[in-house]
């Protein structure tokens, strides 16, 4: 009896096409699930951070800020959930180049869509522009730019010629800038306000502070109006408290009366900064009162009423030296020996800068 081997052993069916189909279906399901998950989280990230919050938050979007910088800023203050989702939404709306600088009022109850509408339509906060005490004119320029004003308007606003005939500038030397005259405060603005209007308000506020009594007391100290503003700006930058400012003003006035250099670090720093150098007491400029006698050529910052009053009504003391300690206290001395002792005791970090 004979038989065929091929008939005795049945052929195995090839199963790999079935396995491949199963794998493809599985991958498709994974992709679908992934897409669903991504879409779910994306849509959730566009919702308000806190739909019940009534908190209003002021946010300054600087001029020239990128989309990524804006998104990071909004996330850091708790106004959006996700930087990527915000950026993707802005791109999907073709709004990347439409985001506008300015000061905005947002709430965590706003969705990403609502925030983007505000940013692209320039719906800025319509209340205040704040100029900080002790700012230089270049810092005020930056402040105005950060509030969304354009550079051309800022140039006009900070040009003294714009305010020709303004009484508060009557004593300002010809050719001098507005350094020292833009009074620090918060000023009303709306979407139509120009920076010139802000500066006009600040000059008017400065004039209010320069009362006839204050002007008379400046003259009693042997100072012209401009000299008094220069000295007040130095006092503004040197010491924080009003009581210490009256003592610091006395030190500077006494030094001037006996022909002693003012020796102010902050004037030296200002001279270096406006020359584009690192702040240093070693940089030689007309503002370095460690190297040159008398007052610097111009004020070195804006001034507050406290510093103006300190120069008008200096303390009745006879200190010749002072140093601001690391502890925030100002230490005064009559002699150089006492002063050096104060420096050794109280000024390590600050005096090593």
C-alpha atoms as a PDB file:
ATOM      1  CA  UNK A   1       0.000   0.000   0.000  1.00  0.00           C
ATOM      2  CA  UNK A   2       1.344   3.389  -0.923  1.00  0.00           C
ATOM      3  CA  UNK A   3       0.290   6.938  -0.045  1.00  0.00           C
ATOM      4  CA  UNK A   4       1.279  10.540  -0.750  1.00  0.00           C
ATOM      5  CA  UNK A   5       3.024  12.486   1.963  1.00  0.00           C
ATOM      6  CA  UNK A   6       1.440  15.713   0.734  1.00  0.00           C
ATOM      7  CA  UNK A   7      -1.983  14.342   1.344  1.00  0.00           C
ATOM      8  CA  UNK A   8      -1.161  13.066   4.812  1.00  0.00           C
ATOM      9  CA  UNK A   9       0.112  16.434   6.130  1.00  0.00           C
ATOM     10  CA  UNK A  10      -2.344  19.277   5.613  1.00  0.00           C
ATOM     11  CA  UNK A  11      -0.967  22.705   4.595  1.00  0.00           C
ATOM     12  CA  UNK A  12      -0.897  25.443   7.244  1.00  0.00           C
ATOM     13  CA  UNK A  13      -2.848  28.545   6.394  1.00  0.00           C
ATOM     14  CA  UNK A  14      -0.931  31.799   6.393  1.00  0.00           C
ATOM     15  CA  UNK A  15      -2.291  34.069   9.150  1.00  0.00           C
ATOM     16  CA  UNK A  16      -0.086  37.204   8.929  1.00  0.00           C
ATOM     17  CA  UNK A  17      -2.581  39.248   6.866  1.00  0.00           C
ATOM     18  CA  UNK A  18      -5.129  38.854   9.641  1.00  0.00           C
ATOM     19  CA  UNK A  19      -2.592  39.900  12.273  1.00  0.00           C
ATOM     20  CA  UNK A  20      -1.638  42.932  10.210  1.00  0.00           C
ATOM     21  CA  UNK A  21      -5.249  44.003   9.893  1.00  0.00           C
ATOM     22  CA  UNK A  22      -5.717  43.669  13.640  1.00  0.00           C
ATOM     23  CA  UNK A  23      -2.612  45.765  14.269  1.00  0.00           C
ATOM     24  CA  UNK A  24      -3.736  48.460  11.842  1.00  0.00           C
ATOM     25  CA  UNK A  25      -7.135  48.615  13.471  1.00  0.00           C
ATOM     26  CA  UNK A  26      -5.485  48.842  16.899  1.00  0.00           C
ATOM     27  CA  UNK A  27      -3.171  51.662  15.758  1.00  0.00           C
ATOM     28  CA  UNK A  28      -6.099  53.496  14.199  1.00  0.00           C
ATOM     29  CA  UNK A  29      -8.016  53.210  17.453  1.00  0.00           C
ATOM     30  CA  UNK A  30      -5.021  54.512  19.371  1.00  0.00           C
ATOM     31  CA  UNK A  31      -4.649  57.439  16.999  1.00  0.00           C
ATOM     32  CA  UNK A  32      -8.328  58.209  17.220  1.00  0.00           C
ATOM     33  CA  UNK A  33      -8.213  58.031  20.998  1.00  0.00           C
ATOM     34  CA  UNK A  34      -5.099  60.212  21.042  1.00  0.00           C
ATOM     35  CA  UNK A  35      -6.677  62.774  18.754  1.00  0.00           C
ATOM     36  CA  UNK A  36      -9.797  62.793  20.896  1.00  0.00           C
ATOM     37  CA  UNK A  37      -7.694  63.225  24.051  1.00  0.00           C
ATOM     38  CA  UNK A  38      -5.620  66.051  22.533  1.00  0.00           C
ATOM     39  CA  UNK A  39      -8.754  67.792  21.324  1.00  0.00           C
ATOM     40  CA  UNK A  40     -10.396  67.341  24.709  1.00  0.00           C
ATOM     41  CA  UNK A  41      -7.458  68.868  26.565  1.00  0.00           C
ATOM     42  CA  UNK A  42      -7.071  71.627  23.948  1.00  0.00           C
ATOM     43  CA  UNK A  43     -10.712  72.663  24.238  1.00  0.00           C
ATOM     44  CA  UNK A  44     -10.517  72.464  28.029  1.00  0.00           C
ATOM     45  CA  UNK A  45      -7.411  74.679  28.004  1.00  0.00           C
ATOM     46  CA  UNK A  46      -9.366  77.367  26.142  1.00  0.00           C
ATOM     47  CA  UNK A  47     -11.908  77.604  28.949  1.00  0.00           C
ATOM     48  CA  UNK A  48     -11.593  80.132  31.822  1.00  0.00           C
ATOM     49  CA  UNK A  49      -9.136  79.307  34.574  1.00  0.00           C
ATOM     50  CA  UNK A  50     -11.855  80.109  37.123  1.00  0.00           C
ATOM     51  CA  UNK A  51     -15.295  80.826  35.713  1.00  0.00           C
ATOM     52  CA  UNK A  52     -16.583  82.170  39.044  1.00  0.00           C
ATOM     53  CA  UNK A  53     -13.713  84.582  39.750  1.00  0.00           C
ATOM     54  CA  UNK A  54     -14.507  88.303  39.771  1.00  0.00           C
ATOM     55  CA  UNK A  55     -10.909  89.393  40.324  1.00  0.00           C
ATOM     56  CA  UNK A  56      -9.638  92.035  37.872  1.00  0.00           C
ATOM     57  CA  UNK A  57      -5.934  91.779  37.051  1.00  0.00           C
ATOM     58  CA  UNK A  58      -3.864  94.522  35.429  1.00  0.00           C
ATOM     59  CA  UNK A  59      -1.395  93.176  32.856  1.00  0.00           C
ATOM     60  CA  UNK A  60       1.133  95.264  30.924  1.00  0.00           C
ATOM     61  CA  UNK A  61       2.027  93.783  27.517  1.00  0.00           C
ATOM     62  CA  UNK A  62       5.343  95.405  26.514  1.00  0.00           C
ATOM     63  CA  UNK A  63       5.870  96.725  23.022  1.00  0.00           C
ATOM     64  CA  UNK A  64       7.589  94.126  20.849  1.00  0.00           C
ATOM     65  CA  UNK A  65       6.607  91.177  23.044  1.00  0.00           C
ATOM     66  CA  UNK A  66       6.434  87.870  21.147  1.00  0.00           C
ATOM     67  CA  UNK A  67       3.460  85.515  21.189  1.00  0.00           C
ATOM     68  CA  UNK A  68       5.417  83.097  23.382  1.00  0.00           C
ATOM     69  CA  UNK A  69       6.328  85.861  25.834  1.00  0.00           C
ATOM     70  CA  UNK A  70       2.706  87.021  26.041  1.00  0.00           C
ATOM     71  CA  UNK A  71       1.463  83.460  26.574  1.00  0.00           C
ATOM     72  CA  UNK A  72       4.026  82.809  29.307  1.00  0.00           C
ATOM     73  CA  UNK A  73       3.136  86.097  31.007  1.00  0.00           C
ATOM     74  CA  UNK A  74      -0.582  85.269  30.998  1.00  0.00           C
ATOM     75  CA  UNK A  75       0.030  81.778  32.345  1.00  0.00           C
ATOM     76  CA  UNK A  76       2.338  83.034  35.109  1.00  0.00           C
ATOM     77  CA  UNK A  77      -0.353  85.362  36.468  1.00  0.00           C
ATOM     78  CA  UNK A  78      -3.031  82.651  36.259  1.00  0.00           C
ATOM     79  CA  UNK A  79      -5.097  83.918  33.331  1.00  0.00           C
ATOM     80  CA  UNK A  80      -4.676  80.961  30.964  1.00  0.00           C
ATOM     81  CA  UNK A  81      -4.227  77.239  31.570  1.00  0.00           C
ATOM     82  CA  UNK A  82      -1.758  76.307  28.881  1.00  0.00           C
ATOM     83  CA  UNK A  83       0.830  78.245  26.832  1.00  0.00           C
ATOM     84  CA  UNK A  84       0.669  75.814  23.878  1.00  0.00           C
ATOM     85  CA  UNK A  85      -3.133  75.926  23.654  1.00  0.00           C
ATOM     86  CA  UNK A  86      -3.154  79.739  23.791  1.00  0.00           C
ATOM     87  CA  UNK A  87      -0.470  79.981  21.088  1.00  0.00           C
ATOM     88  CA  UNK A  88      -2.248  77.417  18.890  1.00  0.00           C
ATOM     89  CA  UNK A  89      -5.548  79.280  19.206  1.00  0.00           C
ATOM     90  CA  UNK A  90      -3.943  82.621  18.308  1.00  0.00           C
ATOM     91  CA  UNK A  91      -2.379  80.997  15.251  1.00  0.00           C
ATOM     92  CA  UNK A  92      -5.667  79.381  14.229  1.00  0.00           C
ATOM     93  CA  UNK A  93      -7.290  82.825  14.285  1.00  0.00           C
ATOM     94  CA  UNK A  94      -4.465  84.364  12.199  1.00  0.00           C
ATOM     95  CA  UNK A  95      -4.009  86.810  15.063  1.00  0.00           C
ATOM     96  CA  UNK A  96      -0.295  86.304  15.724  1.00  0.00           C
ATOM     97  CA  UNK A  97       0.643  89.753  14.345  1.00  0.00           C
ATOM     98  CA  UNK A  98      -2.463  91.506  15.695  1.00  0.00           C
ATOM     99  CA  UNK A  99      -1.695  91.313  19.421  1.00  0.00           C
ATOM    100  CA  UNK A 100      -1.246  94.859  20.728  1.00  0.00           C
ATOM    101  CA  UNK A 101       0.921  96.271  23.511  1.00  0.00           C
ATOM    102  CA  UNK A 102      -0.728  98.127  26.368  1.00  0.00           C
ATOM    103  CA  UNK A 103      -2.119  97.842  29.866  1.00  0.00           C
ATOM    104  CA  UNK A 104      -5.074  95.454  30.033  1.00  0.00           C
ATOM    105  CA  UNK A 105      -7.571  94.458  32.681  1.00  0.00           C
ATOM    106  CA  UNK A 106      -8.232  90.702  32.574  1.00  0.00           C
ATOM    107  CA  UNK A 107     -10.043  88.238  34.805  1.00  0.00           C
ATOM    108  CA  UNK A 108      -9.542  84.474  35.338  1.00  0.00           C
ATOM    109  CA  UNK A 109     -13.219  84.148  34.387  1.00  0.00           C
ATOM    110  CA  UNK A 110     -12.389  85.076  30.775  1.00  0.00           C
ATOM    111  CA  UNK A 111     -11.852  82.391  28.150  1.00  0.00           C
ATOM    112  CA  UNK A 112      -8.847  82.391  25.823  1.00  0.00           C
ATOM    113  CA  UNK A 113     -11.123  83.598  23.013  1.00  0.00           C
ATOM    114  CA  UNK A 114     -12.241  86.605  25.078  1.00  0.00           C
ATOM    115  CA  UNK A 115      -8.673  87.456  26.080  1.00  0.00           C
ATOM    116  CA  UNK A 116      -7.477  87.255  22.471  1.00  0.00           C
ATOM    117  CA  UNK A 117     -10.294  89.536  21.296  1.00  0.00           C
ATOM    118  CA  UNK A 118      -9.212  92.092  23.875  1.00  0.00           C
ATOM    119  CA  UNK A 119      -5.562  91.829  22.872  1.00  0.00           C
ATOM    120  CA  UNK A 120      -6.210  92.077  19.142  1.00  0.00           C
ATOM    121  CA  UNK A 121      -8.610  95.007  19.430  1.00  0.00           C
ATOM    122  CA  UNK A 122      -6.406  96.996  21.804  1.00  0.00           C
ATOM    123  CA  UNK A 123      -9.106  97.122  24.465  1.00  0.00           C
ATOM    124  CA  UNK A 124      -6.691  98.485  27.045  1.00  0.00           C
ATOM    125  CA  UNK A 125      -7.397  99.287  30.653  1.00  0.00           C
ATOM    126  CA  UNK A 126      -8.887 102.766  30.691  1.00  0.00           C
ATOM    127  CA  UNK A 127      -7.774 104.165  33.978  1.00  0.00           C
ATOM    128  CA  UNK A 128      -4.209 104.951  35.020  1.00  0.00           C
ATOM    129  CA  UNK A 129      -0.648 105.422  33.801  1.00  0.00           C
ATOM    130  CA  UNK A 130       1.771 105.205  36.739  1.00  0.00           C
ATOM    131  CA  UNK A 131       5.155 106.936  36.755  1.00  0.00           C
ATOM    132  CA  UNK A 132       7.328 105.567  39.559  1.00  0.00           C
ATOM    133  CA  UNK A 133       9.348 107.846  41.892  1.00  0.00           C
ATOM    134  CA  UNK A 134      13.073 108.049  41.223  1.00  0.00           C
ATOM    135  CA  UNK A 135      12.833 107.234  37.503  1.00  0.00           C
ATOM    136  CA  UNK A 136      15.240 108.694  34.969  1.00  0.00           C
ATOM    137  CA  UNK A 137      13.863 110.212  31.775  1.00  0.00           C
ATOM    138  CA  UNK A 138      14.914 107.125  29.787  1.00  0.00           C
ATOM    139  CA  UNK A 139      13.046 104.912  32.259  1.00  0.00           C
ATOM    140  CA  UNK A 140       9.958 107.094  31.901  1.00  0.00           C
ATOM    141  CA  UNK A 141      10.260 106.641  28.132  1.00  0.00           C
ATOM    142  CA  UNK A 142      10.240 102.863  28.645  1.00  0.00           C
ATOM    143  CA  UNK A 143       7.265 103.133  31.007  1.00  0.00           C
ATOM    144  CA  UNK A 144       5.241 105.028  28.403  1.00  0.00           C
ATOM    145  CA  UNK A 145       6.196 102.483  25.735  1.00  0.00           C
ATOM    146  CA  UNK A 146       5.110  99.639  28.010  1.00  0.00           C
ATOM    147  CA  UNK A 147       1.702 101.285  28.322  1.00  0.00           C
ATOM    148  CA  UNK A 148       1.340 100.924  24.557  1.00  0.00           C
ATOM    149  CA  UNK A 149       2.129 104.441  23.381  1.00  0.00           C
ATOM    150  CA  UNK A 150       4.014 104.606  20.076  1.00  0.00           C
ATOM    151  CA  UNK A 151       7.548 105.945  19.845  1.00  0.00           C
ATOM    152  CA  UNK A 152       6.728 108.950  17.669  1.00  0.00           C
ATOM    153  CA  UNK A 153       4.163 110.200  20.203  1.00  0.00           C
ATOM    154  CA  UNK A 154       6.575 109.540  23.072  1.00  0.00           C
ATOM    155  CA  UNK A 155       9.264 111.590  21.303  1.00  0.00           C
ATOM    156  CA  UNK A 156       6.845 114.521  21.116  1.00  0.00           C
ATOM    157  CA  UNK A 157       5.784 114.026  24.737  1.00  0.00           C
ATOM    158  CA  UNK A 158       9.358 114.135  26.069  1.00  0.00           C
ATOM    159  CA  UNK A 159      10.504 117.067  23.911  1.00  0.00           C
ATOM    160  CA  UNK A 160      10.687 120.237  26.061  1.00  0.00           C
ATOM    161  CA  UNK A 161       9.763 122.305  22.997  1.00  0.00           C
ATOM    162  CA  UNK A 162       6.290 120.740  23.153  1.00  0.00           C
ATOM    163  CA  UNK A 163       5.674 122.679  26.383  1.00  0.00           C
ATOM    164  CA  UNK A 164       7.103 126.039  25.381  1.00  0.00           C
ATOM    165  CA  UNK A 165       5.635 128.640  27.703  1.00  0.00           C
ATOM    166  CA  UNK A 166       4.775 126.159  30.476  1.00  0.00           C
ATOM    167  CA  UNK A 167       5.413 128.025  33.737  1.00  0.00           C
ATOM    168  CA  UNK A 168       7.008 125.165  35.641  1.00  0.00           C
ATOM    169  CA  UNK A 169       9.805 125.026  33.055  1.00  0.00           C
ATOM    170  CA  UNK A 170      10.629 128.734  33.257  1.00  0.00           C
ATOM    171  CA  UNK A 171      13.816 128.088  35.272  1.00  0.00           C
ATOM    172  CA  UNK A 172      14.976 125.150  33.166  1.00  0.00           C
ATOM    173  CA  UNK A 173      18.170 125.981  31.265  1.00  0.00           C
ATOM    174  CA  UNK A 174      17.868 126.181  27.496  1.00  0.00           C
ATOM    175  CA  UNK A 175      18.657 122.833  25.919  1.00  0.00           C
ATOM    176  CA  UNK A 176      18.060 120.832  29.110  1.00  0.00           C
ATOM    177  CA  UNK A 177      15.680 117.882  28.946  1.00  0.00           C
ATOM    178  CA  UNK A 178      12.605 117.289  31.111  1.00  0.00           C
ATOM    179  CA  UNK A 179      14.757 115.253  33.520  1.00  0.00           C
ATOM    180  CA  UNK A 180      13.488 115.934  37.045  1.00  0.00           C
ATOM    181  CA  UNK A 181      10.256 117.684  36.032  1.00  0.00           C
ATOM    182  CA  UNK A 182       7.902 114.770  35.295  1.00  0.00           C
ATOM    183  CA  UNK A 183       6.244 114.313  38.662  1.00  0.00           C
ATOM    184  CA  UNK A 184       5.738 110.660  39.700  1.00  0.00           C
ATOM    185  CA  UNK A 185       2.085 109.742  40.187  1.00  0.00           C
ATOM    186  CA  UNK A 186      -0.792 107.852  38.552  1.00  0.00           C
ATOM    187  CA  UNK A 187      -2.536 109.723  35.749  1.00  0.00           C
ATOM    188  CA  UNK A 188      -5.892 109.122  34.099  1.00  0.00           C
ATOM    189  CA  UNK A 189      -5.922 107.827  30.549  1.00  0.00           C
ATOM    190  CA  UNK A 190      -8.216 106.095  28.086  1.00  0.00           C
ATOM    191  CA  UNK A 191      -7.775 104.543  24.665  1.00  0.00           C
ATOM    192  CA  UNK A 192      -7.558 107.982  23.016  1.00  0.00           C
ATOM    193  CA  UNK A 193      -5.022 109.497  25.442  1.00  0.00           C
ATOM    194  CA  UNK A 194      -1.661 110.591  24.020  1.00  0.00           C
ATOM    195  CA  UNK A 195       1.537 110.480  26.110  1.00  0.00           C
ATOM    196  CA  UNK A 196       1.798 114.259  25.749  1.00  0.00           C
ATOM    197  CA  UNK A 197      -1.351 114.531  27.848  1.00  0.00           C
ATOM    198  CA  UNK A 198       0.204 112.340  30.548  1.00  0.00           C
ATOM    199  CA  UNK A 199       3.357 114.485  30.672  1.00  0.00           C
ATOM    200  CA  UNK A 200       1.258 117.665  30.708  1.00  0.00           C
ATOM    201  CA  UNK A 201      -0.566 116.338  33.785  1.00  0.00           C
ATOM    202  CA  UNK A 202       2.768 115.446  35.402  1.00  0.00           C
ATOM    203  CA  UNK A 203       4.197 118.934  34.776  1.00  0.00           C
ATOM    204  CA  UNK A 204       1.047 120.481  36.251  1.00  0.00           C
ATOM    205  CA  UNK A 205       1.428 118.275  39.327  1.00  0.00           C
ATOM    206  CA  UNK A 206       5.080 119.327  39.655  1.00  0.00           C
ATOM    207  CA  UNK A 207       4.040 122.972  39.540  1.00  0.00           C
ATOM    208  CA  UNK A 208       1.528 122.373  42.334  1.00  0.00           C
ATOM    209  CA  UNK A 209       4.314 121.000  44.530  1.00  0.00           C
ATOM    210  CA  UNK A 210       6.543 124.028  43.887  1.00  0.00           C
ATOM    211  CA  UNK A 211       4.468 126.379  46.013  1.00  0.00           C
ATOM    212  CA  UNK A 212       5.538 129.991  46.690  1.00  0.00           C
ATOM    213  CA  UNK A 213       6.672 128.895  50.165  1.00  0.00           C
ATOM    214  CA  UNK A 214       8.823 126.068  48.759  1.00  0.00           C
ATOM    215  CA  UNK A 215      10.345 128.422  46.167  1.00  0.00           C
ATOM    216  CA  UNK A 216      11.123 130.986  48.854  1.00  0.00           C
ATOM    217  CA  UNK A 217      12.812 128.377  51.020  1.00  0.00           C
ATOM    218  CA  UNK A 218      14.932 127.222  48.086  1.00  0.00           C
ATOM    219  CA  UNK A 219      16.154 130.803  47.683  1.00  0.00           C
ATOM    220  CA  UNK A 220      16.883 130.933  51.414  1.00  0.00           C
ATOM    221  CA  UNK A 221      19.221 127.952  50.921  1.00  0.00           C
ATOM    222  CA  UNK A 222      21.033 129.897  48.201  1.00  0.00           C
ATOM    223  CA  UNK A 223      19.620 127.695  45.436  1.00  0.00           C
ATOM    224  CA  UNK A 224      17.946 128.542  42.171  1.00  0.00           C
ATOM    225  CA  UNK A 225      14.853 126.561  41.278  1.00  0.00           C
ATOM    226  CA  UNK A 226      16.805 124.302  38.907  1.00  0.00           C
ATOM    227  CA  UNK A 227      19.601 123.739  41.435  1.00  0.00           C
ATOM    228  CA  UNK A 228      17.033 122.790  44.068  1.00  0.00           C
ATOM    229  CA  UNK A 229      15.449 120.225  41.739  1.00  0.00           C
ATOM    230  CA  UNK A 230      18.902 118.793  40.997  1.00  0.00           C
ATOM    231  CA  UNK A 231      19.648 118.451  44.713  1.00  0.00           C
ATOM    232  CA  UNK A 232      16.195 117.008  45.406  1.00  0.00           C
ATOM    233  CA  UNK A 233      16.794 114.326  42.751  1.00  0.00           C
ATOM    234  CA  UNK A 234      20.039 113.327  44.474  1.00  0.00           C
ATOM    235  CA  UNK A 235      18.288 113.135  47.835  1.00  0.00           C
ATOM    236  CA  UNK A 236      15.489 111.103  46.182  1.00  0.00           C
ATOM    237  CA  UNK A 237      17.950 108.470  44.994  1.00  0.00           C
ATOM    238  CA  UNK A 238      20.187 108.428  48.068  1.00  0.00           C
ATOM    239  CA  UNK A 239      17.798 107.755  50.961  1.00  0.00           C
ATOM    240  CA  UNK A 240      14.214 106.436  51.249  1.00  0.00           C
ATOM    241  CA  UNK A 241      12.733 107.956  54.425  1.00  0.00           C
ATOM    242  CA  UNK A 242      11.656 111.582  54.763  1.00  0.00           C
ATOM    243  CA  UNK A 243      13.474 112.120  58.074  1.00  0.00           C
ATOM    244  CA  UNK A 244      16.713 110.801  56.594  1.00  0.00           C
ATOM    245  CA  UNK A 245      16.172 112.893  53.481  1.00  0.00           C
ATOM    246  CA  UNK A 246      16.095 116.107  55.517  1.00  0.00           C
ATOM    247  CA  UNK A 247      19.409 115.054  57.111  1.00  0.00           C
ATOM    248  CA  UNK A 248      20.935 114.088  53.754  1.00  0.00           C
ATOM    249  CA  UNK A 249      19.860 117.437  52.292  1.00  0.00           C
ATOM    250  CA  UNK A 250      21.573 119.148  55.239  1.00  0.00           C
ATOM    251  CA  UNK A 251      24.774 117.176  54.558  1.00  0.00           C
ATOM    252  CA  UNK A 252      24.851 118.206  50.910  1.00  0.00           C
ATOM    253  CA  UNK A 253      24.019 121.846  51.627  1.00  0.00           C
ATOM    254  CA  UNK A 254      26.717 122.053  54.302  1.00  0.00           C
ATOM    255  CA  UNK A 255      29.273 120.472  51.993  1.00  0.00           C
ATOM    256  CA  UNK A 256      28.421 122.942  49.259  1.00  0.00           C
ATOM    257  CA  UNK A 257      28.748 125.870  51.674  1.00  0.00           C
ATOM    258  CA  UNK A 258      32.287 124.895  52.715  1.00  0.00           C
ATOM    259  CA  UNK A 259      33.490 123.953  49.233  1.00  0.00           C
ATOM    260  CA  UNK A 260      33.505 120.210  49.883  1.00  0.00           C
ATOM    261  CA  UNK A 261      32.586 117.768  47.117  1.00  0.00           C
ATOM    262  CA  UNK A 262      29.150 116.181  47.420  1.00  0.00           C
ATOM    263  CA  UNK A 263      30.654 112.709  47.033  1.00  0.00           C
ATOM    264  CA  UNK A 264      27.372 111.121  45.935  1.00  0.00           C
ATOM    265  CA  UNK A 265      27.587 107.654  44.406  1.00  0.00           C
ATOM    266  CA  UNK A 266      24.221 107.972  42.658  1.00  0.00           C
ATOM    267  CA  UNK A 267      25.367 110.975  40.616  1.00  0.00           C
ATOM    268  CA  UNK A 268      28.431 109.028  39.454  1.00  0.00           C
ATOM    269  CA  UNK A 269      26.221 106.073  38.510  1.00  0.00           C
ATOM    270  CA  UNK A 270      23.905 108.349  36.505  1.00  0.00           C
ATOM    271  CA  UNK A 271      26.805 109.797  34.523  1.00  0.00           C
ATOM    272  CA  UNK A 272      28.026 106.324  33.635  1.00  0.00           C
ATOM    273  CA  UNK A 273      24.556 105.046  32.696  1.00  0.00           C
ATOM    274  CA  UNK A 274      23.691 107.886  30.319  1.00  0.00           C
ATOM    275  CA  UNK A 275      27.068 107.327  28.644  1.00  0.00           C
ATOM    276  CA  UNK A 276      26.162 103.693  28.073  1.00  0.00           C
ATOM    277  CA  UNK A 277      28.589 102.396  30.700  1.00  0.00           C
ATOM    278  CA  UNK A 278      28.192 100.138  33.694  1.00  0.00           C
ATOM    279  CA  UNK A 279      27.326 102.191  36.820  1.00  0.00           C
ATOM    280  CA  UNK A 280      30.578 102.937  38.628  1.00  0.00           C
ATOM    281  CA  UNK A 281      31.981 105.598  40.955  1.00  0.00           C
ATOM    282  CA  UNK A 282      35.179 105.388  38.919  1.00  0.00           C
ATOM    283  CA  UNK A 283      33.630 106.603  35.670  1.00  0.00           C
ATOM    284  CA  UNK A 284      34.679 110.210  35.099  1.00  0.00           C
ATOM    285  CA  UNK A 285      31.836 112.426  33.900  1.00  0.00           C
ATOM    286  CA  UNK A 286      30.489 115.874  34.841  1.00  0.00           C
ATOM    287  CA  UNK A 287      28.002 113.986  37.044  1.00  0.00           C
ATOM    288  CA  UNK A 288      30.670 112.339  39.190  1.00  0.00           C
ATOM    289  CA  UNK A 289      30.504 114.434  42.359  1.00  0.00           C
ATOM    290  CA  UNK A 290      33.248 112.339  43.888  1.00  0.00           C
ATOM    291  CA  UNK A 291      35.602 113.805  41.282  1.00  0.00           C
ATOM    292  CA  UNK A 292      34.069 117.207  40.583  1.00  0.00           C
ATOM    293  CA  UNK A 293      32.894 120.010  42.861  1.00  0.00           C
ATOM    294  CA  UNK A 294      29.382 121.382  43.012  1.00  0.00           C
ATOM    295  CA  UNK A 295      26.105 120.014  41.695  1.00  0.00           C
ATOM    296  CA  UNK A 296      25.884 117.822  38.588  1.00  0.00           C
ATOM    297  CA  UNK A 297      24.683 119.543  35.385  1.00  0.00           C
ATOM    298  CA  UNK A 298      21.082 118.259  35.549  1.00  0.00           C
ATOM    299  CA  UNK A 299      18.717 116.352  37.822  1.00  0.00           C
ATOM    300  CA  UNK A 300      19.353 112.592  37.867  1.00  0.00           C
ATOM    301  CA  UNK A 301      15.733 111.435  38.267  1.00  0.00           C
ATOM    302  CA  UNK A 302      12.234 112.661  38.927  1.00  0.00           C
ATOM    303  CA  UNK A 303      11.435 113.850  42.461  1.00  0.00           C
ATOM    304  CA  UNK A 304       8.679 113.526  45.041  1.00  0.00           C
ATOM    305  CA  UNK A 305       7.277 116.119  47.414  1.00  0.00           C
ATOM    306  CA  UNK A 306       9.303 114.512  50.217  1.00  0.00           C
ATOM    307  CA  UNK A 307      12.614 115.266  48.530  1.00  0.00           C
ATOM    308  CA  UNK A 308      11.548 118.771  47.504  1.00  0.00           C
ATOM    309  CA  UNK A 309      10.484 119.506  51.070  1.00  0.00           C
ATOM    310  CA  UNK A 310      13.731 118.026  52.421  1.00  0.00           C
ATOM    311  CA  UNK A 311      15.757 120.496  50.367  1.00  0.00           C
ATOM    312  CA  UNK A 312      13.404 123.335  51.286  1.00  0.00           C
ATOM    313  CA  UNK A 313      13.469 122.454  54.995  1.00  0.00           C
ATOM    314  CA  UNK A 314      16.721 120.563  55.745  1.00  0.00           C
ATOM    315  CA  UNK A 315      17.379 119.170  59.217  1.00  0.00           C
ATOM    316  CA  UNK A 316      19.054 121.493  61.719  1.00  0.00           C
ATOM    317  CA  UNK A 317      22.109 119.317  62.193  1.00  0.00           C
ATOM    318  CA  UNK A 318      25.777 119.499  61.226  1.00  0.00           C
ATOM    319  CA  UNK A 319      26.488 116.064  59.775  1.00  0.00           C
ATOM    320  CA  UNK A 320      29.084 115.871  57.010  1.00  0.00           C
ATOM    321  CA  UNK A 321      28.832 112.189  56.083  1.00  0.00           C
ATOM    322  CA  UNK A 322      26.245 109.449  55.712  1.00  0.00           C
ATOM    323  CA  UNK A 323      26.048 105.888  54.448  1.00  0.00           C
ATOM    324  CA  UNK A 324      23.073 103.635  53.725  1.00  0.00           C
ATOM    325  CA  UNK A 325      23.558 100.357  55.569  1.00  0.00           C
ATOM    326  CA  UNK A 326      22.707  96.864  54.386  1.00  0.00           C
ATOM    327  CA  UNK A 327      19.893  96.932  56.964  1.00  0.00           C
ATOM    328  CA  UNK A 328      18.156  99.841  55.220  1.00  0.00           C
ATOM    329  CA  UNK A 329      19.149 102.345  57.928  1.00  0.00           C
ATOM    330  CA  UNK A 330      21.052 105.522  57.036  1.00  0.00           C
ATOM    331  CA  UNK A 331      23.981 106.260  59.363  1.00  0.00           C
ATOM    332  CA  UNK A 332      25.246 109.827  59.752  1.00  0.00           C
ATOM    333  CA  UNK A 333      28.610 111.054  61.030  1.00  0.00           C
ATOM    334  CA  UNK A 334      30.491 114.276  61.807  1.00  0.00           C
ATOM    335  CA  UNK A 335      34.004 113.105  60.974  1.00  0.00           C
ATOM    336  CA  UNK A 336      35.582 110.882  58.364  1.00  0.00           C
ATOM    337  CA  UNK A 337      36.716 108.518  61.127  1.00  0.00           C
ATOM    338  CA  UNK A 338      33.137 108.081  62.381  1.00  0.00           C
ATOM    339  CA  UNK A 339      31.958 107.627  58.810  1.00  0.00           C
ATOM    340  CA  UNK A 340      34.534 104.923  58.047  1.00  0.00           C
ATOM    341  CA  UNK A 341      33.536 103.155  61.254  1.00  0.00           C
ATOM    342  CA  UNK A 342      29.876 103.200  60.147  1.00  0.00           C
ATOM    343  CA  UNK A 343      30.838 101.820  56.747  1.00  0.00           C
ATOM    344  CA  UNK A 344      32.847  99.003  58.356  1.00  0.00           C
ATOM    345  CA  UNK A 345      29.992  98.110  60.714  1.00  0.00           C
ATOM    346  CA  UNK A 346      26.896  98.514  58.591  1.00  0.00           C
ATOM    347  CA  UNK A 347      27.732  98.564  54.887  1.00  0.00           C
ATOM    348  CA  UNK A 348      29.289  95.382  53.544  1.00  0.00           C
ATOM    349  CA  UNK A 349      27.163  94.241  50.628  1.00  0.00           C
ATOM    350  CA  UNK A 350      26.070  97.659  49.333  1.00  0.00           C
ATOM    351  CA  UNK A 351      29.457  99.293  49.700  1.00  0.00           C
ATOM    352  CA  UNK A 352      31.199  96.500  47.828  1.00  0.00           C
ATOM    353  CA  UNK A 353      29.139  97.034  44.677  1.00  0.00           C
END
